[in-house]
Amino acid sequence: NTIEFTGALHATVVKQVRLKNPCNNTLAYNAILVGRDAADFSLPKGNTVTIPPGRQGFITVEFTIRFLHPAEAVLILISNKVDGIDGATMTFSLRSEVKNIEPLGMMKCRSPCYEL
């Protein structure tokens, strides 16, 4: 699964990964960011999530688009044993794309177009 972070240059994009727990036991996960641009992504609400039976939980991932080239990383969710039950390890590909560039400011200049 790929999570796309699209927006303007210098914009901060926040995405939530929804995790469902269909079983009758509590699940807990630790989140890790790895890869070439992993340092540019963050987990602002922490890197752990606990999901009660039959409920859902969320992991929040934040990214500020600083460069024109696409950023890439991987989000790995590793299960912690709770109630003696291990959940499946999950991975998500994170990728950014610049959709537009907003100017930070404008300058006016006057200059002749051509001179001998």
PDB file of N, CA and C in Angstrom:
ATOM      1  N   ASN A   1       0.838  -1.190   0.000  1.00  0.00           N
ATOM      2  CA  ASN A   1       0.000   0.000   0.000  1.00  0.00           C
ATOM      3  C   ASN A   1       0.877   1.245   0.000  1.00  0.00           C
ATOM      4  N   THR A   2       0.504   2.231  -0.793  1.00  0.00           N
ATOM      5  CA  THR A   2       1.253   3.479  -0.880  1.00  0.00           C
ATOM      6  C   THR A   2       0.393   4.623  -0.358  1.00  0.00           C
ATOM      7  N   ILE A   3       0.997   5.455   0.486  1.00  0.00           N
ATOM      8  CA  ILE A   3       0.328   6.644   0.996  1.00  0.00           C
ATOM      9  C   ILE A   3       0.973   7.838   0.318  1.00  0.00           C
ATOM     10  N   GLU A   4       0.186   8.614  -0.425  1.00  0.00           N
ATOM     11  CA  GLU A   4       0.687   9.755  -1.189  1.00  0.00           C
ATOM     12  C   GLU A   4       0.557  11.041  -0.374  1.00  0.00           C
ATOM     13  N   PHE A   5       1.630  11.806  -0.307  1.00  0.00           N
ATOM     14  CA  PHE A   5       1.644  13.123   0.330  1.00  0.00           C
ATOM     15  C   PHE A   5       1.803  14.143  -0.795  1.00  0.00           C
ATOM     16  N   THR A   6       0.695  14.721  -1.248  1.00  0.00           N
ATOM     17  CA  THR A   6       0.743  15.664  -2.354  1.00  0.00           C
ATOM     18  C   THR A   6       0.328  17.045  -1.867  1.00  0.00           C
ATOM     19  N   GLY A   7       0.964  18.063  -2.429  1.00  0.00           N
ATOM     20  CA  GLY A   7       0.638  19.428  -2.045  1.00  0.00           C
ATOM     21  C   GLY A   7       1.620  20.406  -2.650  1.00  0.00           C
ATOM     22  N   ALA A   8       1.553  21.628  -2.184  1.00  0.00           N
ATOM     23  CA  ALA A   8       2.435  22.690  -2.669  1.00  0.00           C
ATOM     24  C   ALA A   8       3.788  22.586  -1.981  1.00  0.00           C
ATOM     25  N   LEU A   9       4.800  23.112  -2.640  1.00  0.00           N
ATOM     26  CA  LEU A   9       6.126  23.174  -2.053  1.00  0.00           C
ATOM     27  C   LEU A   9       6.054  23.948  -0.742  1.00  0.00           C
ATOM     28  N   HIS A  10       6.694  23.445   0.305  1.00  0.00           N
ATOM     29  CA  HIS A  10       6.734  23.998   1.666  1.00  0.00           C
ATOM     30  C   HIS A  10       5.455  23.764   2.462  1.00  0.00           C
ATOM     31  N   ALA A  11       4.478  23.056   1.898  1.00  0.00           N
ATOM     32  CA  ALA A  11       3.246  22.752   2.637  1.00  0.00           C
ATOM     33  C   ALA A  11       3.478  21.547   3.552  1.00  0.00           C
ATOM     34  N   THR A  12       2.744  21.503   4.648  1.00  0.00           N
ATOM     35  CA  THR A  12       2.780  20.351   5.550  1.00  0.00           C
ATOM     36  C   THR A  12       1.525  19.522   5.304  1.00  0.00           C
ATOM     37  N   VAL A  13       1.730  18.248   5.025  1.00  0.00           N
ATOM     38  CA  VAL A  13       0.628  17.333   4.721  1.00  0.00           C
ATOM     39  C   VAL A  13       0.552  16.302   5.845  1.00  0.00           C
ATOM     40  N   VAL A  14      -0.655  16.084   6.360  1.00  0.00           N
ATOM     41  CA  VAL A  14      -0.874  15.123   7.443  1.00  0.00           C
ATOM     42  C   VAL A  14      -1.810  14.028   6.934  1.00  0.00           C
ATOM     43  N   LYS A  15      -1.412  12.784   7.154  1.00  0.00           N
ATOM     44  CA  LYS A  15      -2.243  11.638   6.772  1.00  0.00           C
ATOM     45  C   LYS A  15      -2.425  10.745   7.986  1.00  0.00           C
ATOM     46  N   GLN A  16      -3.565  10.061   8.026  1.00  0.00           N
ATOM     47  CA  GLN A  16      -3.821   9.096   9.088  1.00  0.00           C
ATOM     48  C   GLN A  16      -3.977   7.710   8.482  1.00  0.00           C
ATOM     49  N   VAL A  17      -3.318   6.743   9.098  1.00  0.00           N
ATOM     50  CA  VAL A  17      -3.452   5.348   8.698  1.00  0.00           C
ATOM     51  C   VAL A  17      -4.435   4.710   9.670  1.00  0.00           C
ATOM     52  N   ARG A  18      -5.536   4.199   9.132  1.00  0.00           N
ATOM     53  CA  ARG A  18      -6.561   3.585   9.982  1.00  0.00           C
ATOM     54  C   ARG A  18      -6.285   2.090  10.092  1.00  0.00           C
ATOM     55  N   LEU A  19      -6.244   1.603  11.325  1.00  0.00           N
ATOM     56  CA  LEU A  19      -6.009   0.190  11.600  1.00  0.00           C
ATOM     57  C   LEU A  19      -7.242  -0.390  12.270  1.00  0.00           C
ATOM     58  N   LYS A  20      -7.777  -1.468  11.706  1.00  0.00           N
ATOM     59  CA  LYS A  20      -8.960  -2.116  12.278  1.00  0.00           C
ATOM     60  C   LYS A  20      -8.543  -3.381  13.014  1.00  0.00           C
ATOM     61  N   ASN A  21      -9.234  -3.663  14.103  1.00  0.00           N
ATOM     62  CA  ASN A  21      -8.986  -4.864  14.880  1.00  0.00           C
ATOM     63  C   ASN A  21     -10.249  -5.727  14.882  1.00  0.00           C
ATOM     64  N   PRO A  22     -10.331  -6.728  13.987  1.00  0.00           N
ATOM     65  CA  PRO A  22     -11.536  -7.554  13.911  1.00  0.00           C
ATOM     66  C   PRO A  22     -11.573  -8.678  14.952  1.00  0.00           C
ATOM     67  N   CYS A  23     -10.452  -8.918  15.648  1.00  0.00           N
ATOM     68  CA  CYS A  23     -10.430 -10.052  16.586  1.00  0.00           C
ATOM     69  C   CYS A  23     -10.950  -9.656  17.970  1.00  0.00           C
ATOM     70  N   ASN A  24     -10.972 -10.621  18.864  1.00  0.00           N
ATOM     71  CA  ASN A  24     -11.536 -10.415  20.200  1.00  0.00           C
ATOM     72  C   ASN A  24     -10.480 -10.056  21.241  1.00  0.00           C
ATOM     73  N   ASN A  25      -9.276  -9.771  20.797  1.00  0.00           N
ATOM     74  CA  ASN A  25      -8.195  -9.405  21.712  1.00  0.00           C
ATOM     75  C   ASN A  25      -7.652  -8.029  21.342  1.00  0.00           C
ATOM     76  N   THR A  26      -7.064  -7.358  22.322  1.00  0.00           N
ATOM     77  CA  THR A  26      -6.460  -6.050  22.085  1.00  0.00           C
ATOM     78  C   THR A  26      -5.170  -6.218  21.288  1.00  0.00           C
ATOM     79  N   LEU A  27      -4.953  -5.325  20.307  1.00  0.00           N
ATOM     80  CA  LEU A  27      -3.711  -5.307  19.528  1.00  0.00           C
ATOM     81  C   LEU A  27      -2.966  -4.008  19.810  1.00  0.00           C
ATOM     82  N   ALA A  28      -1.641  -4.080  19.771  1.00  0.00           N
ATOM     83  CA  ALA A  28      -0.807  -2.887  19.944  1.00  0.00           C
ATOM     84  C   ALA A  28       0.286  -2.914  18.885  1.00  0.00           C
ATOM     85  N   TYR A  29       0.608  -1.739  18.359  1.00  0.00           N
ATOM     86  CA  TYR A  29       1.632  -1.631  17.315  1.00  0.00           C
ATOM     87  C   TYR A  29       2.614  -0.512  17.648  1.00  0.00           C
ATOM     88  N   ASN A  30       3.882  -0.745  17.284  1.00  0.00           N
ATOM     89  CA  ASN A  30       4.921   0.291  17.290  1.00  0.00           C
ATOM     90  C   ASN A  30       5.180   0.673  15.846  1.00  0.00           C
ATOM     91  N   ALA A  31       5.286   1.958  15.559  1.00  0.00           N
ATOM     92  CA  ALA A  31       5.535   2.444  14.201  1.00  0.00           C
ATOM     93  C   ALA A  31       6.986   2.889  14.072  1.00  0.00           C
ATOM     94  N   ILE A  32       7.605   2.531  12.949  1.00  0.00           N
ATOM     95  CA  ILE A  32       8.983   2.919  12.648  1.00  0.00           C
ATOM     96  C   ILE A  32       9.014   3.470  11.225  1.00  0.00           C
ATOM     97  N   LEU A  33       9.735   4.564  11.026  1.00  0.00           N
ATOM     98  CA  LEU A  33       9.940   5.132   9.693  1.00  0.00           C
ATOM     99  C   LEU A  33      11.365   4.812   9.249  1.00  0.00           C
ATOM    100  N   VAL A  34      11.509   4.197   8.073  1.00  0.00           N
ATOM    101  CA  VAL A  34      12.823   3.853   7.537  1.00  0.00           C
ATOM    102  C   VAL A  34      12.880   4.252   6.070  1.00  0.00           C
ATOM    103  N   GLY A  35      14.093   4.373   5.545  1.00  0.00           N
ATOM    104  CA  GLY A  35      14.266   4.671   4.133  1.00  0.00           C
ATOM    105  C   GLY A  35      15.055   5.935   3.886  1.00  0.00           C
ATOM    106  N   ARG A  36      15.251   6.227   2.610  1.00  0.00           N
ATOM    107  CA  ARG A  36      16.080   7.342   2.162  1.00  0.00           C
ATOM    108  C   ARG A  36      15.681   8.674   2.787  1.00  0.00           C
ATOM    109  N   ASP A  37      14.406   8.983   2.819  1.00  0.00           N
ATOM    110  CA  ASP A  37      13.932  10.275   3.313  1.00  0.00           C
ATOM    111  C   ASP A  37      13.117  10.147   4.603  1.00  0.00           C
ATOM    112  N   ALA A  38      13.356   9.105   5.374  1.00  0.00           N
ATOM    113  CA  ALA A  38      12.579   8.857   6.595  1.00  0.00           C
ATOM    114  C   ALA A  38      12.667  10.017   7.579  1.00  0.00           C
ATOM    115  N   ALA A  39      13.791  10.730   7.608  1.00  0.00           N
ATOM    116  CA  ALA A  39      13.956  11.844   8.552  1.00  0.00           C
ATOM    117  C   ALA A  39      13.004  13.004   8.237  1.00  0.00           C
ATOM    118  N   ASP A  40      12.498  13.082   7.004  1.00  0.00           N
ATOM    119  CA  ASP A  40      11.587  14.164   6.626  1.00  0.00           C
ATOM    120  C   ASP A  40      10.138  13.884   7.040  1.00  0.00           C
ATOM    121  N   PHE A  41       9.830  12.633   7.368  1.00  0.00           N
ATOM    122  CA  PHE A  41       8.502  12.251   7.834  1.00  0.00           C
ATOM    123  C   PHE A  41       8.527  12.194   9.356  1.00  0.00           C
ATOM    124  N   SER A  42       7.375  12.401   9.985  1.00  0.00           N
ATOM    125  CA  SER A  42       7.328  12.319  11.447  1.00  0.00           C
ATOM    126  C   SER A  42       6.006  11.700  11.898  1.00  0.00           C
ATOM    127  N   LEU A  43       6.005  11.248  13.147  1.00  0.00           N
ATOM    128  CA  LEU A  43       4.818  10.680  13.782  1.00  0.00           C
ATOM    129  C   LEU A  43       4.455  11.593  14.949  1.00  0.00           C
ATOM    130  N   PRO A  44       3.728  12.705  14.674  1.00  0.00           N
ATOM    131  CA  PRO A  44       3.518  13.741  15.687  1.00  0.00           C
ATOM    132  C   PRO A  44       2.711  13.300  16.910  1.00  0.00           C
ATOM    133  N   LYS A  45       1.906  12.278  16.775  1.00  0.00           N
ATOM    134  CA  LYS A  45       1.087  11.833  17.916  1.00  0.00           C
ATOM    135  C   LYS A  45       1.663  10.579  18.570  1.00  0.00           C
ATOM    136  N   GLY A  46       2.947  10.332  18.320  1.00  0.00           N
ATOM    137  CA  GLY A  46       3.603   9.183  18.932  1.00  0.00           C
ATOM    138  C   GLY A  46       3.698   8.003  17.988  1.00  0.00           C
ATOM    139  N   ASN A  47       4.544   7.042  18.377  1.00  0.00           N
ATOM    140  CA  ASN A  47       4.786   5.906  17.498  1.00  0.00           C
ATOM    141  C   ASN A  47       4.121   4.612  17.993  1.00  0.00           C
ATOM    142  N   THR A  48       3.181   4.716  18.929  1.00  0.00           N
ATOM    143  CA  THR A  48       2.467   3.519  19.383  1.00  0.00           C
ATOM    144  C   THR A  48       0.962   3.725  19.269  1.00  0.00           C
ATOM    145  N   VAL A  49       0.268   2.631  19.026  1.00  0.00           N
ATOM    146  CA  VAL A  49      -1.195   2.663  18.975  1.00  0.00           C
ATOM    147  C   VAL A  49      -1.710   1.358  19.573  1.00  0.00           C
ATOM    148  N   THR A  50      -2.743   1.458  20.391  1.00  0.00           N
ATOM    149  CA  THR A  50      -3.409   0.298  20.969  1.00  0.00           C
ATOM    150  C   THR A  50      -4.839   0.272  20.442  1.00  0.00           C
ATOM    151  N   ILE A  51      -5.247  -0.905  19.959  1.00  0.00           N
ATOM    152  CA  ILE A  51      -6.567  -1.034  19.332  1.00  0.00           C
ATOM    153  C   ILE A  51      -7.391  -2.056  20.120  1.00  0.00           C
ATOM    154  N   PRO A  52      -8.452  -1.606  20.777  1.00  0.00           N
ATOM    155  CA  PRO A  52      -9.321  -2.536  21.522  1.00  0.00           C
ATOM    156  C   PRO A  52     -10.036  -3.505  20.570  1.00  0.00           C
ATOM    157  N   PRO A  53     -10.545  -4.613  21.080  1.00  0.00           N
ATOM    158  CA  PRO A  53     -11.248  -5.594  20.231  1.00  0.00           C
ATOM    159  C   PRO A  53     -12.428  -4.965  19.476  1.00  0.00           C
ATOM    160  N   GLY A  54     -12.506  -5.281  18.184  1.00  0.00           N
ATOM    161  CA  GLY A  54     -13.616  -4.804  17.365  1.00  0.00           C
ATOM    162  C   GLY A  54     -13.608  -3.315  17.085  1.00  0.00           C
ATOM    163  N   ARG A  55     -12.539  -2.628  17.404  1.00  0.00           N
ATOM    164  CA  ARG A  55     -12.466  -1.171  17.211  1.00  0.00           C
ATOM    165  C   ARG A  55     -11.403  -0.845  16.168  1.00  0.00           C
ATOM    166  N   GLN A  56     -11.096   0.445  16.068  1.00  0.00           N
ATOM    167  CA  GLN A  56     -10.045   0.885  15.151  1.00  0.00           C
ATOM    168  C   GLN A  56      -9.147   1.900  15.831  1.00  0.00           C
ATOM    169  N   GLY A  57      -7.934   2.014  15.315  1.00  0.00           N
ATOM    170  CA  GLY A  57      -6.968   2.981  15.828  1.00  0.00           C
ATOM    171  C   GLY A  57      -6.324   3.708  14.664  1.00  0.00           C
ATOM    172  N   PHE A  58      -5.602   4.783  14.963  1.00  0.00           N
ATOM    173  CA  PHE A  58      -4.998   5.602  13.915  1.00  0.00           C
ATOM    174  C   PHE A  58      -3.542   5.909  14.243  1.00  0.00           C
ATOM    175  N   ILE A  59      -2.716   5.905  13.207  1.00  0.00           N
ATOM    176  CA  ILE A  59      -1.337   6.391  13.286  1.00  0.00           C
ATOM    177  C   ILE A  59      -1.286   7.627  12.391  1.00  0.00           C
ATOM    178  N   THR A  60      -0.812   8.747  12.930  1.00  0.00           N
ATOM    179  CA  THR A  60      -0.720   9.989  12.161  1.00  0.00           C
ATOM    180  C   THR A  60       0.701  10.157  11.641  1.00  0.00           C
ATOM    181  N   VAL A  61       0.812  10.437  10.331  1.00  0.00           N
ATOM    182  CA  VAL A  61       2.106  10.662   9.686  1.00  0.00           C
ATOM    183  C   VAL A  61       2.085  12.066   9.096  1.00  0.00           C
ATOM    184  N   GLU A  62       3.144  12.828   9.354  1.00  0.00           N
ATOM    185  CA  GLU A  62       3.234  14.217   8.892  1.00  0.00           C
ATOM    186  C   GLU A  62       4.465  14.385   8.010  1.00  0.00           C
ATOM    187  N   PHE A  63       4.323  15.204   6.980  1.00  0.00           N
ATOM    188  CA  PHE A  63       5.434  15.456   6.050  1.00  0.00           C
ATOM    189  C   PHE A  63       5.376  16.891   5.562  1.00  0.00           C
ATOM    190  N   THR A  64       6.508  17.595   5.610  1.00  0.00           N
ATOM    191  CA  THR A  64       6.617  18.938   5.046  1.00  0.00           C
ATOM    192  C   THR A  64       7.410  18.830   3.748  1.00  0.00           C
ATOM    193  N   ILE A  65       6.797  19.266   2.655  1.00  0.00           N
ATOM    194  CA  ILE A  65       7.416  19.161   1.336  1.00  0.00           C
ATOM    195  C   ILE A  65       8.497  20.239   1.216  1.00  0.00           C
ATOM    196  N   ARG A  66       9.761  19.810   1.246  1.00  0.00           N
ATOM    197  CA  ARG A  66      10.870  20.764   1.223  1.00  0.00           C
ATOM    198  C   ARG A  66      11.614  20.803  -0.110  1.00  0.00           C
ATOM    199  N   PHE A  67      11.474  19.755  -0.918  1.00  0.00           N
ATOM    200  CA  PHE A  67      12.220  19.664  -2.170  1.00  0.00           C
ATOM    201  C   PHE A  67      11.278  19.310  -3.315  1.00  0.00           C
ATOM    202  N   LEU A  68      11.726  19.594  -4.545  1.00  0.00           N
ATOM    203  CA  LEU A  68      10.913  19.271  -5.710  1.00  0.00           C
ATOM    204  C   LEU A  68      10.931  17.773  -6.020  1.00  0.00           C
ATOM    205  N   HIS A  69      12.029  17.089  -5.701  1.00  0.00           N
ATOM    206  CA  HIS A  69      12.097  15.656  -6.008  1.00  0.00           C
ATOM    207  C   HIS A  69      11.199  14.872  -5.038  1.00  0.00           C
ATOM    208  N   PRO A  70      10.646  13.745  -5.484  1.00  0.00           N
ATOM    209  CA  PRO A  70       9.770  12.954  -4.613  1.00  0.00           C
ATOM    210  C   PRO A  70      10.554  12.387  -3.424  1.00  0.00           C
ATOM    211  N   ALA A  71       9.974  12.459  -2.260  1.00  0.00           N
ATOM    212  CA  ALA A  71      10.558  11.851  -1.064  1.00  0.00           C
ATOM    213  C   ALA A  71       9.946  10.466  -0.900  1.00  0.00           C
ATOM    214  N   GLU A  72      10.762   9.523  -0.409  1.00  0.00           N
ATOM    215  CA  GLU A  72      10.285   8.159  -0.229  1.00  0.00           C
ATOM    216  C   GLU A  72      10.735   7.621   1.119  1.00  0.00           C
ATOM    217  N   ALA A  73       9.859   6.882   1.761  1.00  0.00           N
ATOM    218  CA  ALA A  73      10.173   6.210   3.020  1.00  0.00           C
ATOM    219  C   ALA A  73       9.189   5.053   3.181  1.00  0.00           C
ATOM    220  N   VAL A  74       9.402   4.274   4.241  1.00  0.00           N
ATOM    221  CA  VAL A  74       8.521   3.152   4.533  1.00  0.00           C
ATOM    222  C   VAL A  74       8.086   3.253   5.991  1.00  0.00           C
ATOM    223  N   LEU A  75       6.791   3.089   6.209  1.00  0.00           N
ATOM    224  CA  LEU A  75       6.227   3.032   7.555  1.00  0.00           C
ATOM    225  C   LEU A  75       6.038   1.552   7.894  1.00  0.00           C
ATOM    226  N   ILE A  76       6.701   1.100   8.962  1.00  0.00           N
ATOM    227  CA  ILE A  76       6.588  -0.296   9.398  1.00  0.00           C
ATOM    228  C   ILE A  76       5.832  -0.314  10.723  1.00  0.00           C
ATOM    229  N   LEU A  77       4.785  -1.113  10.789  1.00  0.00           N
ATOM    230  CA  LEU A  77       4.011  -1.283  12.012  1.00  0.00           C
ATOM    231  C   LEU A  77       4.280  -2.686  12.555  1.00  0.00           C
ATOM    232  N   ILE A  78       4.931  -2.741  13.723  1.00  0.00           N
ATOM    233  CA  ILE A  78       5.316  -4.004  14.338  1.00  0.00           C
ATOM    234  C   ILE A  78       4.431  -4.242  15.551  1.00  0.00           C
ATOM    235  N   SER A  79       3.851  -5.419  15.615  1.00  0.00           N
ATOM    236  CA  SER A  79       2.917  -5.760  16.686  1.00  0.00           C
ATOM    237  C   SER A  79       3.647  -6.020  17.999  1.00  0.00           C
ATOM    238  N   ASN A  80       3.035  -5.572  19.091  1.00  0.00           N
ATOM    239  CA  ASN A  80       3.452  -5.913  20.456  1.00  0.00           C
ATOM    240  C   ASN A  80       2.466  -6.922  20.989  1.00  0.00           C
ATOM    241  N   LYS A  81       2.953  -7.877  21.757  1.00  0.00           N
ATOM    242  CA  LYS A  81       2.031  -8.857  22.345  1.00  0.00           C
ATOM    243  C   LYS A  81       1.191  -8.209  23.437  1.00  0.00           C
ATOM    244  N   VAL A  82      -0.124  -8.296  23.267  1.00  0.00           N
ATOM    245  CA  VAL A  82      -1.070  -7.874  24.287  1.00  0.00           C
ATOM    246  C   VAL A  82      -2.064  -9.022  24.405  1.00  0.00           C
ATOM    247  N   ASP A  83      -2.370  -9.448  25.596  1.00  0.00           N
ATOM    248  CA  ASP A  83      -3.261 -10.596  25.821  1.00  0.00           C
ATOM    249  C   ASP A  83      -2.714 -11.861  25.157  1.00  0.00           C
ATOM    250  N   GLY A  84      -1.368 -11.930  24.974  1.00  0.00           N
ATOM    251  CA  GLY A  84      -0.759 -13.108  24.366  1.00  0.00           C
ATOM    252  C   GLY A  84      -0.976 -13.228  22.874  1.00  0.00           C
ATOM    253  N   ILE A  85      -1.472 -12.181  22.224  1.00  0.00           N
ATOM    254  CA  ILE A  85      -1.777 -12.216  20.788  1.00  0.00           C
ATOM    255  C   ILE A  85      -0.847 -11.268  20.033  1.00  0.00           C
ATOM    256  N   ASP A  86      -0.289 -11.774  18.933  1.00  0.00           N
ATOM    257  CA  ASP A  86       0.536 -10.956  18.042  1.00  0.00           C
ATOM    258  C   ASP A  86      -0.264 -10.630  16.795  1.00  0.00           C
ATOM    259  N   GLY A  87      -0.236  -9.375  16.370  1.00  0.00           N
ATOM    260  CA  GLY A  87      -0.854  -8.989  15.103  1.00  0.00           C
ATOM    261  C   GLY A  87       0.168  -9.123  13.980  1.00  0.00           C
ATOM    262  N   ALA A  88      -0.278  -8.996  12.761  1.00  0.00           N
ATOM    263  CA  ALA A  88       0.609  -9.084  11.603  1.00  0.00           C
ATOM    264  C   ALA A  88       1.428  -7.806  11.482  1.00  0.00           C
ATOM    265  N   THR A  89       2.695  -7.949  11.081  1.00  0.00           N
ATOM    266  CA  THR A  89       3.526  -6.784  10.779  1.00  0.00           C
ATOM    267  C   THR A  89       3.037  -6.197   9.456  1.00  0.00           C
ATOM    268  N   MET A  90       2.897  -4.875   9.403  1.00  0.00           N
ATOM    269  CA  MET A  90       2.391  -4.215   8.207  1.00  0.00           C
ATOM    270  C   MET A  90       3.389  -3.166   7.728  1.00  0.00           C
ATOM    271  N   THR A  91       3.454  -2.975   6.421  1.00  0.00           N
ATOM    272  CA  THR A  91       4.324  -1.941   5.851  1.00  0.00           C
ATOM    273  C   THR A  91       3.522  -1.093   4.875  1.00  0.00           C
ATOM    274  N   PHE A  92       3.861   0.190   4.855  1.00  0.00           N
ATOM    275  CA  PHE A  92       3.225   1.142   3.937  1.00  0.00           C
ATOM    276  C   PHE A  92       4.329   1.970   3.287  1.00  0.00           C
ATOM    277  N   SER A  93       4.259   2.130   1.990  1.00  0.00           N
ATOM    278  CA  SER A  93       5.187   2.979   1.268  1.00  0.00           C
ATOM    279  C   SER A  93       4.692   4.420   1.364  1.00  0.00           C
ATOM    280  N   LEU A  94       5.594   5.354   1.704  1.00  0.00           N
ATOM    281  CA  LEU A  94       5.258   6.777   1.793  1.00  0.00           C
ATOM    282  C   LEU A  94       5.953   7.488   0.646  1.00  0.00           C
ATOM    283  N   ARG A  95       5.222   8.316  -0.078  1.00  0.00           N
ATOM    284  CA  ARG A  95       5.787   9.008  -1.242  1.00  0.00           C
ATOM    285  C   ARG A  95       5.191  10.407  -1.339  1.00  0.00           C
ATOM    286  N   SER A  96       6.036  11.369  -1.673  1.00  0.00           N
ATOM    287  CA  SER A  96       5.552  12.752  -1.815  1.00  0.00           C
ATOM    288  C   SER A  96       5.581  13.176  -3.273  1.00  0.00           C
ATOM    289  N   GLU A  97       4.743  14.164  -3.570  1.00  0.00           N
ATOM    290  CA  GLU A  97       4.714  14.744  -4.909  1.00  0.00           C
ATOM    291  C   GLU A  97       4.324  16.209  -4.796  1.00  0.00           C
ATOM    292  N   VAL A  98       5.101  17.073  -5.448  1.00  0.00           N
ATOM    293  CA  VAL A  98       4.798  18.505  -5.467  1.00  0.00           C
ATOM    294  C   VAL A  98       3.784  18.755  -6.572  1.00  0.00           C
ATOM    295  N   LYS A  99       2.632  19.297  -6.201  1.00  0.00           N
ATOM    296  CA  LYS A  99       1.574  19.579  -7.179  1.00  0.00           C
ATOM    297  C   LYS A  99       1.639  21.005  -7.718  1.00  0.00           C
ATOM    298  N   ASN A 100       2.099  21.941  -6.906  1.00  0.00           N
ATOM    299  CA  ASN A 100       2.236  23.315  -7.383  1.00  0.00           C
ATOM    300  C   ASN A 100       3.257  24.041  -6.509  1.00  0.00           C
ATOM    301  N   ILE A 101       3.701  25.169  -6.999  1.00  0.00           N
ATOM    302  CA  ILE A 101       4.682  25.978  -6.283  1.00  0.00           C
ATOM    303  C   ILE A 101       4.091  27.364  -6.071  1.00  0.00           C
ATOM    304  N   GLU A 102       3.936  27.726  -4.829  1.00  0.00           N
ATOM    305  CA  GLU A 102       3.430  29.055  -4.481  1.00  0.00           C
ATOM    306  C   GLU A 102       4.632  29.959  -4.200  1.00  0.00           C
ATOM    307  N   PRO A 103       4.681  31.140  -4.799  1.00  0.00           N
ATOM    308  CA  PRO A 103       5.813  32.028  -4.535  1.00  0.00           C
ATOM    309  C   PRO A 103       5.794  32.547  -3.100  1.00  0.00           C
ATOM    310  N   LEU A 104       6.982  32.625  -2.513  1.00  0.00           N
ATOM    311  CA  LEU A 104       7.088  33.172  -1.164  1.00  0.00           C
ATOM    312  C   LEU A 104       7.047  34.694  -1.189  1.00  0.00           C
ATOM    313  N   GLY A 105       7.403  35.279  -2.320  1.00  0.00           N
ATOM    314  CA  GLY A 105       7.388  36.730  -2.471  1.00  0.00           C
ATOM    315  C   GLY A 105       7.620  37.082  -3.926  1.00  0.00           C
ATOM    316  N   MET A 106       7.447  38.360  -4.254  1.00  0.00           N
ATOM    317  CA  MET A 106       7.662  38.808  -5.629  1.00  0.00           C
ATOM    318  C   MET A 106       8.540  40.042  -5.612  1.00  0.00           C
ATOM    319  N   MET A 107       9.346  40.173  -6.662  1.00  0.00           N
ATOM    320  CA  MET A 107      10.207  41.342  -6.832  1.00  0.00           C
ATOM    321  C   MET A 107       9.933  41.945  -8.194  1.00  0.00           C
ATOM    322  N   LYS A 108       9.889  43.267  -8.264  1.00  0.00           N
ATOM    323  CA  LYS A 108       9.746  43.944  -9.542  1.00  0.00           C
ATOM    324  C   LYS A 108      11.099  44.542  -9.906  1.00  0.00           C
ATOM    325  N   CYS A 109      11.491  44.335 -11.147  1.00  0.00           N
ATOM    326  CA  CYS A 109      12.764  44.866 -11.636  1.00  0.00           C
ATOM    327  C   CYS A 109      12.516  45.547 -12.971  1.00  0.00           C
ATOM    328  N   ARG A 110      13.261  46.635 -13.212  1.00  0.00           N
ATOM    329  CA  ARG A 110      13.226  47.304 -14.516  1.00  0.00           C
ATOM    330  C   ARG A 110      14.617  47.204 -15.093  1.00  0.00           C
ATOM    331  N   SER A 111      14.642  46.785 -16.357  1.00  0.00           N
ATOM    332  CA  SER A 111      15.922  46.633 -17.010  1.00  0.00           C
ATOM    333  C   SER A 111      15.694  46.683 -18.521  1.00  0.00           C
ATOM    334  N   PRO A 112      16.648  47.250 -19.249  1.00  0.00           N
ATOM    335  CA  PRO A 112      16.500  47.226 -20.706  1.00  0.00           C
ATOM    336  C   PRO A 112      16.607  45.801 -21.210  1.00  0.00           C
ATOM    337  N   CYS A 113      15.839  45.510 -22.252  1.00  0.00           N
ATOM    338  CA  CYS A 113      15.861  44.147 -22.792  1.00  0.00           C
ATOM    339  C   CYS A 113      17.118  43.885 -23.573  1.00  0.00           C
ATOM    340  N   TYR A 114      17.667  44.968 -24.235  1.00  0.00           N
ATOM    341  CA  TYR A 114      18.834  44.743 -25.081  1.00  0.00           C
ATOM    342  C   TYR A 114      19.646  46.037 -25.140  1.00  0.00           C
ATOM    343  N   GLU A 115      20.940  45.913 -25.078  1.00  0.00           N
ATOM    344  CA  GLU A 115      21.827  47.045 -25.242  1.00  0.00           C
ATOM    345  C   GLU A 115      22.978  46.677 -26.129  1.00  0.00           C
ATOM    346  N   LEU A 116      23.387  47.585 -27.018  1.00  0.00           N
ATOM    347  CA  LEU A 116      24.578  47.354 -27.849  1.00  0.00           C
ATOM    348  C   LEU A 116      25.836  47.500 -27.034  1.00  0.00           C
TER     349      LEU A 116
END
